[in-house]
Protein backbone atom coordinates (compact mmCIF):
# COMPACT_ATOMS: atom_id res chain seq x y z
CA MET A 1 96.58 15.24 160.59
CA PRO A 2 98.77 12.33 161.80
CA THR A 3 100.64 12.86 165.03
CA ARG A 4 104.39 12.36 165.41
CA ARG A 5 103.77 9.14 167.35
CA THR A 6 101.56 7.77 164.55
CA VAL A 7 104.18 8.59 161.92
CA ARG A 8 106.92 6.99 164.03
CA PHE A 9 104.82 3.87 164.58
CA ALA A 10 103.99 3.60 160.85
CA GLY A 11 107.66 3.99 159.97
CA SER A 12 108.69 1.30 162.45
CA LEU A 13 105.98 -1.03 161.16
CA ILE A 14 107.10 -0.58 157.55
CA PHE A 15 110.72 -1.20 158.56
CA VAL A 16 109.77 -4.41 160.39
CA VAL A 17 107.66 -5.63 157.47
CA LEU A 18 110.54 -5.01 155.04
CA ILE A 19 112.94 -6.98 157.28
CA VAL A 20 110.50 -9.89 157.54
CA VAL A 21 109.89 -9.92 153.79
CA PHE A 22 113.62 -9.81 153.04
CA LEU A 23 114.42 -12.64 155.44
CA THR A 24 111.59 -14.89 154.33
CA ARG A 25 112.28 -14.39 150.60
CA ALA A 26 115.95 -15.27 151.08
CA ILE A 27 114.96 -18.77 152.22
CA GLU A 28 114.04 -21.34 149.60
CA PRO A 29 110.54 -22.94 149.77
CA ASP A 30 112.06 -26.42 150.04
CA THR A 31 113.81 -25.33 153.24
CA TYR A 32 110.49 -24.42 154.85
CA ARG A 33 109.02 -27.77 153.90
CA GLN A 34 112.05 -29.73 155.09
CA TYR A 35 112.43 -28.01 158.45
CA SER A 36 108.86 -26.89 159.22
CA ASP A 37 108.41 -29.35 162.10
CA ASP A 38 111.86 -28.60 163.51
CA LEU A 39 111.24 -24.87 163.22
CA ALA A 40 107.99 -25.07 165.18
CA TYR A 41 109.52 -27.26 167.89
CA TYR A 42 112.66 -25.20 168.38
CA ALA A 43 110.73 -21.93 168.31
CA ILE A 44 108.55 -23.23 171.17
CA ARG A 45 111.63 -24.38 173.11
CA HIS A 46 113.19 -20.96 172.48
CA LEU A 47 110.08 -19.24 173.85
CA ILE A 48 110.12 -21.46 176.94
CA LEU A 49 113.70 -20.48 177.76
CA VAL A 50 112.94 -16.80 177.16
CA GLY A 51 109.68 -16.95 179.11
CA TYR A 52 111.06 -18.56 182.27
CA SER A 53 114.18 -16.39 182.37
CA MET A 54 112.26 -13.16 181.70
CA VAL A 55 109.68 -13.88 184.39
CA LEU A 56 112.47 -14.53 186.90
CA ALA A 57 114.30 -11.37 185.82
CA ILE A 58 111.15 -9.25 186.22
CA LEU A 59 110.29 -10.79 189.60
CA VAL A 60 113.81 -10.04 190.88
CA GLY A 61 114.74 -6.93 188.90
CA VAL A 62 111.73 -4.69 189.53
CA PRO A 63 111.65 -5.19 193.34
CA MET A 64 115.44 -4.72 193.51
CA GLY A 65 115.19 -1.52 191.47
CA VAL A 66 112.50 -0.25 193.83
CA LEU A 67 114.57 -1.21 196.88
CA LEU A 68 117.68 0.53 195.57
CA SER A 69 115.67 3.68 194.86
CA ARG A 70 114.83 4.11 198.55
CA PRO A 71 116.67 6.99 200.28
CA SER A 72 118.25 4.58 202.77
CA MET A 73 120.01 2.79 199.88
CA ALA A 74 121.33 5.91 198.14
CA ARG A 75 125.00 5.25 198.92
CA GLN A 76 124.91 1.51 198.14
CA ALA A 77 122.73 1.66 195.01
CA GLU A 78 125.50 1.94 192.40
CA ALA A 79 127.60 -0.75 194.07
CA PHE A 80 124.68 -3.18 193.96
CA MET A 81 123.98 -2.17 190.37
CA GLN A 82 127.48 -3.31 189.39
CA ILE A 83 126.68 -6.74 190.84
CA PHE A 84 123.66 -6.99 188.56
CA ASN A 85 125.88 -5.87 185.70
CA ILE A 86 127.83 -9.14 185.84
CA GLY A 87 125.50 -10.81 183.36
CA ASN A 88 126.22 -8.08 180.79
CA THR A 89 129.92 -7.46 181.52
CA VAL A 90 130.96 -11.12 181.35
CA PRO A 91 130.60 -12.55 177.80
CA SER A 92 127.47 -14.63 177.28
CA LEU A 93 129.50 -17.75 176.49
CA ALA A 94 131.39 -17.41 179.77
CA VAL A 95 128.14 -17.03 181.73
CA LEU A 96 126.77 -20.13 179.98
CA ALA A 97 129.96 -22.06 180.78
CA ILE A 98 129.76 -21.08 184.46
CA ALA A 99 126.08 -22.05 184.61
CA LEU A 100 126.93 -25.33 182.89
CA GLY A 101 129.62 -26.09 185.49
CA ILE A 102 127.19 -25.46 188.35
CA PHE A 103 123.89 -26.85 187.06
CA GLY A 104 124.97 -29.33 184.38
CA ILE A 105 123.62 -29.70 180.84
CA GLY A 106 120.12 -28.71 179.79
CA ASP A 107 117.50 -26.02 180.23
CA VAL A 108 118.31 -25.01 183.82
CA PRO A 109 121.78 -23.52 183.17
CA ALA A 110 120.44 -21.83 180.03
CA ILE A 111 117.60 -20.20 181.98
CA VAL A 112 120.02 -19.09 184.72
CA ALA A 113 122.40 -17.54 182.18
CA LEU A 114 119.55 -15.77 180.33
CA PHE A 115 118.21 -14.54 183.67
CA PHE A 116 121.53 -12.85 184.48
CA ALA A 117 121.76 -11.40 180.96
CA SER A 118 118.29 -9.83 181.36
CA LEU A 119 118.56 -8.64 184.96
CA LEU A 120 120.47 -5.35 184.64
CA PRO A 121 118.21 -3.47 182.17
CA ILE A 122 115.13 -4.27 184.24
CA THR A 123 116.74 -3.39 187.58
CA ARG A 124 118.35 -0.19 186.32
CA ASN A 125 115.22 1.07 184.56
CA ALA A 126 113.09 0.34 187.61
CA TYR A 127 115.61 2.27 189.72
CA VAL A 128 115.83 5.20 187.27
CA GLY A 129 112.06 5.27 186.79
CA ILE A 130 111.32 5.48 190.50
CA LYS A 131 114.04 8.10 191.06
CA GLY A 132 112.70 10.13 188.17
CA VAL A 133 109.18 10.61 189.55
CA ALA A 134 108.49 14.33 189.87
CA PRO A 135 109.03 15.63 193.44
CA ALA A 136 105.75 17.55 193.15
CA LEU A 137 103.86 14.25 192.87
CA LEU A 138 105.59 12.91 195.98
CA GLU A 139 104.78 16.10 197.87
CA ALA A 140 101.16 15.82 196.79
CA ALA A 141 101.04 12.22 198.02
CA ARG A 142 102.43 13.23 201.40
CA GLY A 143 99.97 16.13 201.52
CA LEU A 144 97.13 13.64 201.05
CA GLY A 145 98.39 11.66 204.05
CA MET A 146 99.70 8.66 202.12
CA THR A 147 102.18 6.36 203.80
CA ASN A 148 105.46 5.52 202.06
CA THR A 149 104.00 2.21 200.85
CA GLN A 150 100.85 3.88 199.54
CA SER A 151 102.93 6.52 197.77
CA LEU A 152 105.06 3.81 196.18
CA LEU A 153 102.10 1.74 194.95
CA ARG A 154 99.79 4.58 193.91
CA VAL A 155 102.19 7.28 192.70
CA GLU A 156 105.78 6.15 192.14
CA LEU A 157 105.27 2.80 190.43
CA PRO A 158 102.45 3.90 188.07
CA ASN A 159 104.39 7.00 186.96
CA SER A 160 107.61 5.05 186.46
CA MET A 161 106.02 2.27 184.41
CA PRO A 162 106.95 3.67 180.95
CA ILE A 163 110.64 3.50 181.91
CA VAL A 164 110.22 0.09 183.57
CA VAL A 165 108.58 -1.25 180.41
CA GLY A 166 111.47 0.17 178.39
CA GLY A 167 113.87 -1.87 180.51
CA ILE A 168 111.77 -5.00 180.01
CA ARG A 169 111.81 -4.49 176.24
CA THR A 170 115.58 -4.04 176.24
CA ALA A 171 116.03 -7.16 178.37
CA LEU A 172 113.69 -9.11 176.09
CA ALA A 173 115.72 -8.20 173.00
CA ILE A 174 118.95 -9.27 174.73
CA ASN A 175 117.32 -12.47 175.95
CA VAL A 176 115.90 -13.56 172.59
CA GLY A 177 119.18 -12.79 170.84
CA THR A 178 121.26 -14.68 173.41
CA ALA A 179 119.01 -17.75 173.70
CA PRO A 180 120.38 -19.46 170.54
CA LEU A 181 123.68 -19.90 172.42
CA ALA A 182 121.83 -22.26 174.79
CA TYR A 183 122.34 -24.94 172.13
CA LEU A 184 126.01 -25.04 173.16
CA ILE A 185 125.10 -26.33 176.63
CA GLY A 186 122.47 -28.85 175.56
CA ALA A 187 119.30 -26.74 175.66
CA ASP A 188 117.06 -26.75 172.59
CA SER A 189 116.41 -23.38 170.97
CA LEU A 190 116.55 -21.84 167.52
CA GLY A 191 120.31 -22.16 167.90
CA THR A 192 119.77 -25.87 167.18
CA LEU A 193 119.16 -24.78 163.59
CA ILE A 194 121.84 -22.10 163.48
CA PHE A 195 124.91 -23.91 164.79
CA PRO A 196 124.43 -27.20 162.88
CA GLY A 197 123.83 -25.03 159.81
CA ILE A 198 127.25 -23.47 160.37
CA ASN A 199 128.93 -26.84 160.98
CA LEU A 200 127.33 -28.44 157.92
CA ASN A 201 127.84 -25.36 155.74
CA ASN A 202 124.06 -25.39 155.20
CA ASN A 203 123.33 -21.72 154.61
CA GLN A 204 119.59 -22.25 154.24
CA MET A 205 119.31 -24.02 157.60
CA LEU A 206 121.47 -21.31 159.20
CA LEU A 207 119.42 -18.52 157.65
CA LEU A 208 116.15 -20.16 158.72
CA GLY A 209 117.23 -20.25 162.38
CA ALA A 210 118.64 -16.72 162.28
CA ALA A 211 115.58 -15.30 160.52
CA ALA A 212 113.23 -17.02 162.97
CA THR A 213 115.21 -15.55 165.89
CA ALA A 214 115.06 -12.04 164.42
CA ILE A 215 111.35 -12.26 163.62
CA LEU A 216 110.61 -13.67 167.06
CA ALA A 217 112.44 -10.76 168.70
CA LEU A 218 110.50 -8.25 166.60
CA LEU A 219 107.15 -9.90 167.29
CA LEU A 220 107.69 -10.16 171.04
CA ASP A 221 108.81 -6.54 171.23
CA ALA A 222 105.77 -5.43 169.24
CA ILE A 223 103.45 -7.41 171.54
CA VAL A 224 105.00 -5.99 174.72
CA SER A 225 105.01 -2.47 173.26
CA THR A 226 101.36 -2.64 172.19
CA LEU A 227 100.08 -4.18 175.43
CA SER A 228 102.03 -1.73 177.57
CA ARG A 229 100.79 1.23 175.52
CA VAL A 230 97.18 0.12 175.91
CA TRP A 231 97.61 -0.48 179.65
CA LEU A 232 99.38 2.85 180.24
CA THR A 233 96.74 4.72 178.25
CA ARG A 234 93.96 3.18 180.33
CA LYS A 235 95.83 4.15 183.50
CA GLY A 236 96.29 7.70 182.21
CA VAL A 237 100.09 7.47 182.16
CA ALA A 238 102.04 8.88 179.19
CA ALA A 239 103.88 6.14 177.30
């Protein structure tokens, strides 16, 4: 008999397939042929922006979430969290404009802006995940003679990983959806199909860029979800 998780996964898969089919059928075959090379190029540039900014956000966000979860940071944690919230509170266009003013035109300001947009979900989930580890597990670690560092690496981080991964998936969705705006500051992305499509009243070009962005977000989320589930299962941690 199928489990609830299997049913939920099958339902999500069917939903994703229906979205992909709807988007791809709405685009005329001539559009694919005309923009196939552009689509491949801009999709790769889109992935580069997302990849660099996400790696930076993970490298900064997870350690900061761990640091803020320490008892010595209990009073300052929420204040620091509001600093990381800047990238989500300030509109994306404003963050891009600020990055443009500091770093100039091109990929660098786009990566910086996407980094700030992705930082809060990762930091907050790392913080919440660590704080949510069962006290009994921490007591058991201390009873085994583990140091604070050993407890963090062997108990707290492994047991908080499902929540950390959830933050990464949220940040990834925000990142992929925001990256088309990088076109406005001179960075190539799928927005290079979307915005000219708007300006030229070319609905097919616009739809191609928007559909590619949506499908890319769904595919990346599915990849991260699947890989994390496999890794967590091997580690014996409930997803």
